[in-house]
C-alpha atoms as a PDB file:
ATOM      1  CA  UNK A   1       0.000   0.000   0.000  1.00  0.00           C
ATOM      2  CA  UNK A   2       1.379   3.338  -1.016  1.00  0.00           C
ATOM      3  CA  UNK A   3       2.068   5.649   1.894  1.00  0.00           C
ATOM      4  CA  UNK A   4       1.031   9.294   1.753  1.00  0.00           C
ATOM      5  CA  UNK A   5       3.752  11.894   1.555  1.00  0.00           C
ATOM      6  CA  UNK A   6       4.436  13.858   4.691  1.00  0.00           C
ATOM      7  CA  UNK A   7       4.309  17.648   4.729  1.00  0.00           C
ATOM      8  CA  UNK A   8       8.106  17.798   4.718  1.00  0.00           C
ATOM      9  CA  UNK A   9       8.332  15.437   1.730  1.00  0.00           C
ATOM     10  CA  UNK A  10       5.744  17.470  -0.195  1.00  0.00           C
ATOM     11  CA  UNK A  11       7.669  20.675   0.515  1.00  0.00           C
ATOM     12  CA  UNK A  12      10.894  19.035  -0.591  1.00  0.00           C
ATOM     13  CA  UNK A  13       9.230  17.781  -3.790  1.00  0.00           C
ATOM     14  CA  UNK A  14       7.888  21.264  -4.596  1.00  0.00           C
ATOM     15  CA  UNK A  15      11.365  22.759  -4.211  1.00  0.00           C
ATOM     16  CA  UNK A  16      12.794  20.000  -6.398  1.00  0.00           C
ATOM     17  CA  UNK A  17      10.286  20.728  -9.171  1.00  0.00           C
ATOM     18  CA  UNK A  18      10.962  24.441  -8.773  1.00  0.00           C
ATOM     19  CA  UNK A  19      14.684  23.976  -9.331  1.00  0.00           C
ATOM     20  CA  UNK A  20      14.160  21.604 -12.274  1.00  0.00           C
ATOM     21  CA  UNK A  21      11.595  23.862 -13.970  1.00  0.00           C
ATOM     22  CA  UNK A  22      14.077  26.376 -15.525  1.00  0.00           C
ATOM     23  CA  UNK A  23      16.036  23.544 -17.116  1.00  0.00           C
ATOM     24  CA  UNK A  24      12.902  21.886 -18.463  1.00  0.00           C
ATOM     25  CA  UNK A  25      11.642  25.223 -19.791  1.00  0.00           C
ATOM     26  CA  UNK A  26      14.969  25.809 -21.505  1.00  0.00           C
ATOM     27  CA  UNK A  27      14.857  22.358 -23.120  1.00  0.00           C
ATOM     28  CA  UNK A  28      11.329  22.928 -24.385  1.00  0.00           C
ATOM     29  CA  UNK A  29      11.977  26.419 -25.744  1.00  0.00           C
ATOM     30  CA  UNK A  30      15.499  25.949 -27.087  1.00  0.00           C
ATOM     31  CA  UNK A  31      15.520  22.266 -28.091  1.00  0.00           C
ATOM     32  CA  UNK A  32      12.169  20.519 -28.378  1.00  0.00           C
ATOM     33  CA  UNK A  33      10.160  23.279 -30.036  1.00  0.00           C
ATOM     34  CA  UNK A  34      12.809  24.134 -32.685  1.00  0.00           C
ATOM     35  CA  UNK A  35      13.246  20.427 -33.468  1.00  0.00           C
ATOM     36  CA  UNK A  36       9.549  19.736 -34.085  1.00  0.00           C
ATOM     37  CA  UNK A  37       9.164  23.063 -35.871  1.00  0.00           C
ATOM     38  CA  UNK A  38      11.996  22.094 -38.198  1.00  0.00           C
ATOM     39  CA  UNK A  39      10.258  18.809 -38.989  1.00  0.00           C
ATOM     40  CA  UNK A  40       7.057  20.722 -39.779  1.00  0.00           C
ATOM     41  CA  UNK A  41       8.826  23.291 -41.955  1.00  0.00           C
ATOM     42  CA  UNK A  42      10.540  20.539 -43.947  1.00  0.00           C
ATOM     43  CA  UNK A  43       7.080  19.702 -45.353  1.00  0.00           C
ATOM     44  CA  UNK A  44       6.345  23.333 -46.187  1.00  0.00           C
ATOM     45  CA  UNK A  45       7.421  25.964 -48.642  1.00  0.00           C
ATOM     46  CA  UNK A  46       7.828  29.575 -47.617  1.00  0.00           C
ATOM     47  CA  UNK A  47       5.129  31.777 -49.127  1.00  0.00           C
ATOM     48  CA  UNK A  48       5.745  34.685 -51.489  1.00  0.00           C
ATOM     49  CA  UNK A  49       7.803  37.488 -49.961  1.00  0.00           C
ATOM     50  CA  UNK A  50       8.481  35.267 -46.936  1.00  0.00           C
ATOM     51  CA  UNK A  51       4.869  35.184 -45.806  1.00  0.00           C
ATOM     52  CA  UNK A  52       3.745  32.067 -43.960  1.00  0.00           C
ATOM     53  CA  UNK A  53       4.298  28.418 -44.798  1.00  0.00           C
ATOM     54  CA  UNK A  54       2.488  26.497 -47.514  1.00  0.00           C
ATOM     55  CA  UNK A  55       2.241  22.732 -46.955  1.00  0.00           C
ATOM     56  CA  UNK A  56       3.780  20.845 -49.904  1.00  0.00           C
ATOM     57  CA  UNK A  57       4.136  17.345 -48.443  1.00  0.00           C
ATOM     58  CA  UNK A  58       7.252  15.371 -49.386  1.00  0.00           C
ATOM     59  CA  UNK A  59       8.100  17.687 -52.328  1.00  0.00           C
ATOM     60  CA  UNK A  60      11.072  19.183 -50.501  1.00  0.00           C
ATOM     61  CA  UNK A  61      12.478  15.745 -49.720  1.00  0.00           C
ATOM     62  CA  UNK A  62      12.133  14.713 -53.366  1.00  0.00           C
ATOM     63  CA  UNK A  63      14.080  17.764 -54.466  1.00  0.00           C
ATOM     64  CA  UNK A  64      16.758  17.440 -51.787  1.00  0.00           C
ATOM     65  CA  UNK A  65      17.365  13.736 -52.418  1.00  0.00           C
ATOM     66  CA  UNK A  66      17.525  14.112 -56.212  1.00  0.00           C
ATOM     67  CA  UNK A  67      19.792  17.144 -56.447  1.00  0.00           C
ATOM     68  CA  UNK A  68      23.497  16.527 -56.953  1.00  0.00           C
ATOM     69  CA  UNK A  69      24.516  19.461 -54.740  1.00  0.00           C
ATOM     70  CA  UNK A  70      22.977  17.740 -51.702  1.00  0.00           C
ATOM     71  CA  UNK A  71      25.093  14.632 -52.073  1.00  0.00           C
ATOM     72  CA  UNK A  72      28.141  16.677 -53.009  1.00  0.00           C
ATOM     73  CA  UNK A  73      27.754  18.756 -49.834  1.00  0.00           C
ATOM     74  CA  UNK A  74      27.264  15.620 -47.733  1.00  0.00           C
ATOM     75  CA  UNK A  75      30.375  14.108 -49.306  1.00  0.00           C
ATOM     76  CA  UNK A  76      32.282  17.343 -48.627  1.00  0.00           C
ATOM     77  CA  UNK A  77      31.221  17.123 -44.983  1.00  0.00           C
ATOM     78  CA  UNK A  78      32.356  13.499 -44.747  1.00  0.00           C
ATOM     79  CA  UNK A  79      35.724  14.380 -46.310  1.00  0.00           C
ATOM     80  CA  UNK A  80      36.221  17.128 -43.758  1.00  0.00           C
ATOM     81  CA  UNK A  81      35.404  14.680 -40.949  1.00  0.00           C
ATOM     82  CA  UNK A  82      37.881  12.149 -42.382  1.00  0.00           C
ATOM     83  CA  UNK A  83      40.652  14.725 -41.960  1.00  0.00           C
ATOM     84  CA  UNK A  84      39.630  16.476 -38.763  1.00  0.00           C
ATOM     85  CA  UNK A  85      38.565  13.541 -36.576  1.00  0.00           C
ATOM     86  CA  UNK A  86      41.445  11.036 -36.868  1.00  0.00           C
ATOM     87  CA  UNK A  87      44.292  13.550 -37.152  1.00  0.00           C
ATOM     88  CA  UNK A  88      42.847  15.769 -34.432  1.00  0.00           C
ATOM     89  CA  UNK A  89      42.596  12.777 -32.102  1.00  0.00           C
ATOM     90  CA  UNK A  90      45.971  11.177 -32.860  1.00  0.00           C
ATOM     91  CA  UNK A  91      47.941  14.408 -32.507  1.00  0.00           C
ATOM     92  CA  UNK A  92      46.037  15.382 -29.358  1.00  0.00           C
ATOM     93  CA  UNK A  93      46.662  11.950 -27.809  1.00  0.00           C
ATOM     94  CA  UNK A  94      50.413  12.149 -28.438  1.00  0.00           C
ATOM     95  CA  UNK A  95      50.549  15.657 -26.988  1.00  0.00           C
ATOM     96  CA  UNK A  96      48.494  14.576 -23.966  1.00  0.00           C
ATOM     97  CA  UNK A  97      50.831  11.674 -23.220  1.00  0.00           C
ATOM     98  CA  UNK A  98      53.847  13.975 -23.518  1.00  0.00           C
ATOM     99  CA  UNK A  99      52.369  16.814 -21.451  1.00  0.00           C
ATOM    100  CA  UNK A 100      51.091  14.439 -18.788  1.00  0.00           C
ATOM    101  CA  UNK A 101      54.680  13.782 -17.790  1.00  0.00           C
ATOM    102  CA  UNK A 102      56.679  16.000 -15.475  1.00  0.00           C
ATOM    103  CA  UNK A 103      58.524  18.260 -17.896  1.00  0.00           C
ATOM    104  CA  UNK A 104      59.685  21.842 -17.617  1.00  0.00           C
ATOM    105  CA  UNK A 105      57.080  24.366 -18.746  1.00  0.00           C
ATOM    106  CA  UNK A 106      54.287  21.814 -18.859  1.00  0.00           C
ATOM    107  CA  UNK A 107      51.578  24.316 -17.903  1.00  0.00           C
ATOM    108  CA  UNK A 108      52.808  26.803 -20.499  1.00  0.00           C
ATOM    109  CA  UNK A 109      52.727  24.170 -23.260  1.00  0.00           C
ATOM    110  CA  UNK A 110      49.215  23.114 -22.276  1.00  0.00           C
ATOM    111  CA  UNK A 111      48.072  26.720 -22.454  1.00  0.00           C
ATOM    112  CA  UNK A 112      49.678  27.276 -25.864  1.00  0.00           C
ATOM    113  CA  UNK A 113      48.038  24.209 -27.387  1.00  0.00           C
ATOM    114  CA  UNK A 114      44.653  25.120 -25.890  1.00  0.00           C
ATOM    115  CA  UNK A 115      44.742  28.726 -27.149  1.00  0.00           C
ATOM    116  CA  UNK A 116      43.017  27.983 -30.505  1.00  0.00           C
ATOM    117  CA  UNK A 117      39.907  26.931 -28.561  1.00  0.00           C
ATOM    118  CA  UNK A 118      39.521  30.357 -26.960  1.00  0.00           C
ATOM    119  CA  UNK A 119      40.284  32.357 -30.113  1.00  0.00           C
ATOM    120  CA  UNK A 120      37.360  33.953 -31.921  1.00  0.00           C
ATOM    121  CA  UNK A 121      36.464  31.995 -35.074  1.00  0.00           C
ATOM    122  CA  UNK A 122      36.598  35.207 -37.104  1.00  0.00           C
ATOM    123  CA  UNK A 123      40.178  35.844 -35.958  1.00  0.00           C
ATOM    124  CA  UNK A 124      41.163  32.257 -36.741  1.00  0.00           C
ATOM    125  CA  UNK A 125      39.660  32.531 -40.239  1.00  0.00           C
ATOM    126  CA  UNK A 126      41.410  35.849 -40.904  1.00  0.00           C
ATOM    127  CA  UNK A 127      44.825  34.495 -39.891  1.00  0.00           C
ATOM    128  CA  UNK A 128      44.492  31.311 -41.923  1.00  0.00           C
ATOM    129  CA  UNK A 129      43.222  33.177 -44.994  1.00  0.00           C
ATOM    130  CA  UNK A 130      46.395  35.238 -44.791  1.00  0.00           C
ATOM    131  CA  UNK A 131      48.528  32.105 -44.419  1.00  0.00           C
ATOM    132  CA  UNK A 132      46.816  30.541 -47.447  1.00  0.00           C
ATOM    133  CA  UNK A 133      46.872  33.677 -49.627  1.00  0.00           C
ATOM    134  CA  UNK A 134      48.249  32.801 -53.063  1.00  0.00           C
ATOM    135  CA  UNK A 135      50.247  35.984 -53.609  1.00  0.00           C
ATOM    136  CA  UNK A 136      51.100  37.254 -50.123  1.00  0.00           C
ATOM    137  CA  UNK A 137      50.528  34.215 -47.912  1.00  0.00           C
ATOM    138  CA  UNK A 138      53.194  33.064 -45.482  1.00  0.00           C
ATOM    139  CA  UNK A 139      53.111  29.448 -46.680  1.00  0.00           C
ATOM    140  CA  UNK A 140      53.774  30.299 -50.315  1.00  0.00           C
ATOM    141  CA  UNK A 141      56.499  32.738 -49.307  1.00  0.00           C
ATOM    142  CA  UNK A 142      58.247  30.141 -47.146  1.00  0.00           C
ATOM    143  CA  UNK A 143      58.066  27.352 -49.737  1.00  0.00           C
ATOM    144  CA  UNK A 144      58.485  29.721 -52.732  1.00  0.00           C
ATOM    145  CA  UNK A 145      55.325  28.401 -54.360  1.00  0.00           C
ATOM    146  CA  UNK A 146      52.088  29.842 -55.705  1.00  0.00           C
ATOM    147  CA  UNK A 147      49.698  27.159 -54.568  1.00  0.00           C
ATOM    148  CA  UNK A 148      46.017  28.120 -54.472  1.00  0.00           C
ATOM    149  CA  UNK A 149      45.381  26.602 -51.069  1.00  0.00           C
ATOM    150  CA  UNK A 150      41.696  27.530 -50.740  1.00  0.00           C
ATOM    151  CA  UNK A 151      40.708  28.277 -54.330  1.00  0.00           C
ATOM    152  CA  UNK A 152      41.856  25.047 -55.952  1.00  0.00           C
ATOM    153  CA  UNK A 153      38.923  22.573 -55.777  1.00  0.00           C
ATOM    154  CA  UNK A 154      41.328  19.626 -55.561  1.00  0.00           C
ATOM    155  CA  UNK A 155      43.078  20.728 -52.370  1.00  0.00           C
ATOM    156  CA  UNK A 156      40.777  23.337 -50.781  1.00  0.00           C
ATOM    157  CA  UNK A 157      38.943  20.742 -48.671  1.00  0.00           C
ATOM    158  CA  UNK A 158      42.286  19.510 -47.318  1.00  0.00           C
ATOM    159  CA  UNK A 159      43.281  23.073 -46.402  1.00  0.00           C
ATOM    160  CA  UNK A 160      40.009  23.558 -44.528  1.00  0.00           C
ATOM    161  CA  UNK A 161      40.514  20.222 -42.772  1.00  0.00           C
ATOM    162  CA  UNK A 162      43.961  21.323 -41.579  1.00  0.00           C
ATOM    163  CA  UNK A 163      42.420  24.398 -39.959  1.00  0.00           C
ATOM    164  CA  UNK A 164      39.880  22.160 -38.249  1.00  0.00           C
ATOM    165  CA  UNK A 165      42.606  19.884 -36.879  1.00  0.00           C
ATOM    166  CA  UNK A 166      44.586  22.870 -35.607  1.00  0.00           C
ATOM    167  CA  UNK A 167      41.497  24.334 -33.948  1.00  0.00           C
ATOM    168  CA  UNK A 168      40.399  21.199 -32.084  1.00  0.00           C
ATOM    169  CA  UNK A 169      43.726  19.729 -30.904  1.00  0.00           C
ATOM    170  CA  UNK A 170      43.723  21.666 -27.627  1.00  0.00           C
ATOM    171  CA  UNK A 171      40.210  20.577 -26.659  1.00  0.00           C
ATOM    172  CA  UNK A 172      40.919  16.920 -27.405  1.00  0.00           C
ATOM    173  CA  UNK A 173      44.244  17.147 -25.569  1.00  0.00           C
ATOM    174  CA  UNK A 174      42.612  18.406 -22.367  1.00  0.00           C
ATOM    175  CA  UNK A 175      40.098  15.536 -22.429  1.00  0.00           C
ATOM    176  CA  UNK A 176      42.882  13.004 -22.971  1.00  0.00           C
ATOM    177  CA  UNK A 177      44.926  14.451 -20.114  1.00  0.00           C
ATOM    178  CA  UNK A 178      41.898  14.059 -17.862  1.00  0.00           C
ATOM    179  CA  UNK A 179      41.570  10.430 -18.947  1.00  0.00           C
ATOM    180  CA  UNK A 180      45.277   9.747 -18.449  1.00  0.00           C
ATOM    181  CA  UNK A 181      45.190  11.082 -14.914  1.00  0.00           C
ATOM    182  CA  UNK A 182      42.475   8.549 -14.070  1.00  0.00           C
ATOM    183  CA  UNK A 183      44.760   5.611 -14.925  1.00  0.00           C
ATOM    184  CA  UNK A 184      46.390   4.244 -11.727  1.00  0.00           C
ATOM    185  CA  UNK A 185      50.169   4.441 -11.696  1.00  0.00           C
ATOM    186  CA  UNK A 186      50.357   0.913 -10.286  1.00  0.00           C
ATOM    187  CA  UNK A 187      49.768  -0.515 -13.754  1.00  0.00           C
ATOM    188  CA  UNK A 188      52.851   1.209 -15.141  1.00  0.00           C
ATOM    189  CA  UNK A 189      54.961   0.213 -12.124  1.00  0.00           C
ATOM    190  CA  UNK A 190      53.970  -3.425 -12.555  1.00  0.00           C
ATOM    191  CA  UNK A 191      54.698  -3.252 -16.288  1.00  0.00           C
ATOM    192  CA  UNK A 192      58.108  -1.708 -15.598  1.00  0.00           C
ATOM    193  CA  UNK A 193      58.958  -4.516 -13.195  1.00  0.00           C
ATOM    194  CA  UNK A 194      58.017  -7.034 -15.871  1.00  0.00           C
ATOM    195  CA  UNK A 195      60.380  -5.288 -18.280  1.00  0.00           C
ATOM    196  CA  UNK A 196      57.809  -3.586 -20.474  1.00  0.00           C
ATOM    197  CA  UNK A 197      59.105  -0.591 -22.423  1.00  0.00           C
ATOM    198  CA  UNK A 198      57.333   2.729 -22.685  1.00  0.00           C
ATOM    199  CA  UNK A 199      55.937   1.852 -26.122  1.00  0.00           C
ATOM    200  CA  UNK A 200      54.597  -1.513 -24.969  1.00  0.00           C
ATOM    201  CA  UNK A 201      53.038   0.098 -21.906  1.00  0.00           C
ATOM    202  CA  UNK A 202      51.403   2.678 -24.167  1.00  0.00           C
ATOM    203  CA  UNK A 203      49.778   0.070 -26.409  1.00  0.00           C
ATOM    204  CA  UNK A 204      48.898  -2.463 -23.689  1.00  0.00           C
ATOM    205  CA  UNK A 205      47.972  -0.165 -20.786  1.00  0.00           C
ATOM    206  CA  UNK A 206      47.370   3.415 -21.885  1.00  0.00           C
ATOM    207  CA  UNK A 207      45.296   2.797 -25.023  1.00  0.00           C
ATOM    208  CA  UNK A 208      42.985   0.123 -23.538  1.00  0.00           C
ATOM    209  CA  UNK A 209      42.319   2.053 -20.323  1.00  0.00           C
ATOM    210  CA  UNK A 210      41.907   5.286 -22.266  1.00  0.00           C
ATOM    211  CA  UNK A 211      39.427   3.761 -24.717  1.00  0.00           C
ATOM    212  CA  UNK A 212      36.281   5.156 -22.956  1.00  0.00           C
ATOM    213  CA  UNK A 213      37.698   8.685 -23.233  1.00  0.00           C
ATOM    214  CA  UNK A 214      38.812   8.051 -26.805  1.00  0.00           C
ATOM    215  CA  UNK A 215      35.389   6.743 -27.794  1.00  0.00           C
ATOM    216  CA  UNK A 216      33.691   9.779 -26.258  1.00  0.00           C
ATOM    217  CA  UNK A 217      35.981  12.129 -28.171  1.00  0.00           C
ATOM    218  CA  UNK A 218      35.528  10.204 -31.422  1.00  0.00           C
ATOM    219  CA  UNK A 219      31.746  10.268 -31.136  1.00  0.00           C
ATOM    220  CA  UNK A 220      31.492  13.950 -30.222  1.00  0.00           C
ATOM    221  CA  UNK A 221      34.038  15.027 -32.830  1.00  0.00           C
ATOM    222  CA  UNK A 222      32.287  13.101 -35.611  1.00  0.00           C
ATOM    223  CA  UNK A 223      29.048  14.893 -34.760  1.00  0.00           C
ATOM    224  CA  UNK A 224      30.916  18.201 -34.527  1.00  0.00           C
ATOM    225  CA  UNK A 225      32.639  17.655 -37.877  1.00  0.00           C
ATOM    226  CA  UNK A 226      29.391  16.686 -39.609  1.00  0.00           C
ATOM    227  CA  UNK A 227      27.799  19.938 -38.430  1.00  0.00           C
ATOM    228  CA  UNK A 228      30.720  22.200 -39.412  1.00  0.00           C
ATOM    229  CA  UNK A 229      29.683  25.614 -40.658  1.00  0.00           C
ATOM    230  CA  UNK A 230      31.438  28.659 -39.184  1.00  0.00           C
ATOM    231  CA  UNK A 231      34.912  27.711 -40.397  1.00  0.00           C
ATOM    232  CA  UNK A 232      33.832  27.239 -44.003  1.00  0.00           C
ATOM    233  CA  UNK A 233      31.575  30.279 -43.932  1.00  0.00           C
ATOM    234  CA  UNK A 234      34.377  32.617 -42.852  1.00  0.00           C
ATOM    235  CA  UNK A 235      37.235  31.135 -44.877  1.00  0.00           C
ATOM    236  CA  UNK A 236      35.469  30.423 -48.165  1.00  0.00           C
ATOM    237  CA  UNK A 237      34.111  33.458 -50.051  1.00  0.00           C
ATOM    238  CA  UNK A 238      30.892  33.104 -52.042  1.00  0.00           C
ATOM    239  CA  UNK A 239      32.828  33.869 -55.231  1.00  0.00           C
ATOM    240  CA  UNK A 240      35.388  31.146 -54.552  1.00  0.00           C
ATOM    241  CA  UNK A 241      35.384  28.635 -57.422  1.00  0.00           C
ATOM    242  CA  UNK A 242      36.213  25.836 -54.977  1.00  0.00           C
ATOM    243  CA  UNK A 243      33.150  26.470 -52.810  1.00  0.00           C
ATOM    244  CA  UNK A 244      30.939  23.739 -54.387  1.00  0.00           C
ATOM    245  CA  UNK A 245      33.660  21.159 -53.602  1.00  0.00           C
ATOM    246  CA  UNK A 246      34.115  22.387 -50.025  1.00  0.00           C
ATOM    247  CA  UNK A 247      30.783  23.616 -48.654  1.00  0.00           C
ATOM    248  CA  UNK A 248      29.252  21.437 -45.954  1.00  0.00           C
ATOM    249  CA  UNK A 249      25.613  20.463 -45.846  1.00  0.00           C
ATOM    250  CA  UNK A 250      25.042  22.971 -43.013  1.00  0.00           C
ATOM    251  CA  UNK A 251      26.582  25.663 -45.224  1.00  0.00           C
ATOM    252  CA  UNK A 252      24.141  24.649 -47.958  1.00  0.00           C
ATOM    253  CA  UNK A 253      21.298  24.871 -45.440  1.00  0.00           C
ATOM    254  CA  UNK A 254      22.374  28.419 -44.574  1.00  0.00           C
ATOM    255  CA  UNK A 255      22.381  29.417 -48.229  1.00  0.00           C
ATOM    256  CA  UNK A 256      18.852  28.178 -48.839  1.00  0.00           C
ATOM    257  CA  UNK A 257      17.256  29.114 -45.513  1.00  0.00           C
ATOM    258  CA  UNK A 258      18.754  32.555 -44.922  1.00  0.00           C
ATOM    259  CA  UNK A 259      20.237  33.763 -48.216  1.00  0.00           C
ATOM    260  CA  UNK A 260      17.536  32.434 -50.554  1.00  0.00           C
ATOM    261  CA  UNK A 261      14.740  32.623 -47.965  1.00  0.00           C
ATOM    262  CA  UNK A 262      13.536  29.065 -48.619  1.00  0.00           C
ATOM    263  CA  UNK A 263      13.288  27.855 -45.035  1.00  0.00           C
ATOM    264  CA  UNK A 264      11.340  24.735 -45.958  1.00  0.00           C
ATOM    265  CA  UNK A 265      14.087  23.462 -48.239  1.00  0.00           C
ATOM    266  CA  UNK A 266      16.690  24.409 -45.659  1.00  0.00           C
ATOM    267  CA  UNK A 267      14.797  22.523 -42.952  1.00  0.00           C
ATOM    268  CA  UNK A 268      14.723  19.470 -45.204  1.00  0.00           C
ATOM    269  CA  UNK A 269      18.493  19.589 -45.580  1.00  0.00           C
ATOM    270  CA  UNK A 270      18.787  19.688 -41.802  1.00  0.00           C
ATOM    271  CA  UNK A 271      16.535  16.652 -41.423  1.00  0.00           C
ATOM    272  CA  UNK A 272      18.610  14.699 -43.933  1.00  0.00           C
ATOM    273  CA  UNK A 273      21.712  15.527 -41.906  1.00  0.00           C
ATOM    274  CA  UNK A 274      19.966  14.571 -38.660  1.00  0.00           C
ATOM    275  CA  UNK A 275      19.030  11.156 -40.064  1.00  0.00           C
ATOM    276  CA  UNK A 276      22.591  10.625 -41.292  1.00  0.00           C
ATOM    277  CA  UNK A 277      24.036  11.549 -37.881  1.00  0.00           C
ATOM    278  CA  UNK A 278      21.559   9.203 -36.186  1.00  0.00           C
ATOM    279  CA  UNK A 279      22.691   6.332 -38.420  1.00  0.00           C
ATOM    280  CA  UNK A 280      26.343   7.062 -37.656  1.00  0.00           C
ATOM    281  CA  UNK A 281      25.580   7.300 -33.923  1.00  0.00           C
ATOM    282  CA  UNK A 282      23.762   3.956 -33.908  1.00  0.00           C
ATOM    283  CA  UNK A 283      26.708   2.312 -35.659  1.00  0.00           C
ATOM    284  CA  UNK A 284      29.120   3.807 -33.113  1.00  0.00           C
ATOM    285  CA  UNK A 285      26.990   2.654 -30.206  1.00  0.00           C
ATOM    286  CA  UNK A 286      26.945  -0.872 -31.623  1.00  0.00           C
ATOM    287  CA  UNK A 287      30.727  -0.767 -32.041  1.00  0.00           C
ATOM    288  CA  UNK A 288      31.292   0.485 -28.493  1.00  0.00           C
ATOM    289  CA  UNK A 289      30.829  -2.987 -26.998  1.00  0.00           C
ATOM    290  CA  UNK A 290      33.703  -4.323 -29.092  1.00  0.00           C
ATOM    291  CA  UNK A 291      36.228  -1.459 -29.003  1.00  0.00           C
ATOM    292  CA  UNK A 292      35.839   0.087 -25.551  1.00  0.00           C
ATOM    293  CA  UNK A 293      37.635  -1.546 -22.639  1.00  0.00           C
ATOM    294  CA  UNK A 294      35.430  -2.243 -19.606  1.00  0.00           C
ATOM    295  CA  UNK A 295      36.828  -3.129 -16.185  1.00  0.00           C
END
């Protein structure tokens, strides 16, 4: 038989709901409502002169799924993720292992590598556009070349990927350092007694015990890379001939929803990306059981 709540328990429950309410309100206003509104708009077409929404059914999805630019943009996004995710993780892991040791100036090095995370995206884009400039850029002046780093369709996506790797290394490094500090030192002492070298200890102790952190970073960075927008928007000009081979699907959404004023088509692009990310996430969750070490 269920017992009635006492006056003190009721008062405690009211305070609990009161403290939870702002968070729930924020989720509804900032997450749930925009999500369902986006689904609704994907079945609509913006009226003339931006007035209202006109229901068109699956017409937007038919257009999105049959246009070559959609698949090209999705492929561009995947290519960016192929560069940013693995290289950003590998370099950050090596730096984390190095900076987790007691070396002179360790705090200063950590700060230097984390600086790109606190820099304004506009400042980052401006600096890298100068580095990549064909005529006056630092890279071409150092190597005495005239490479079109961001205007050559064949290499522009690689150049953008390099910026992404540089920007995210510090964030990944901090997460790895946190994971490394959770590994008990007894494992390394036992391995040293058994004659294991630093490299063997890295592959047989560090990597397995760090796999939960690594998996978390991989999953979050894949989602982050698939939703890339600001970097491409600020580095790639609209007149850039390489833009069609570089623009992400979120960039394409921005063009249709805000530049062209077709919010229904833009919402459809977002839903296609959401479905793709969900598929990738499900695959990663299935793989977690086989690649993540559990005590």
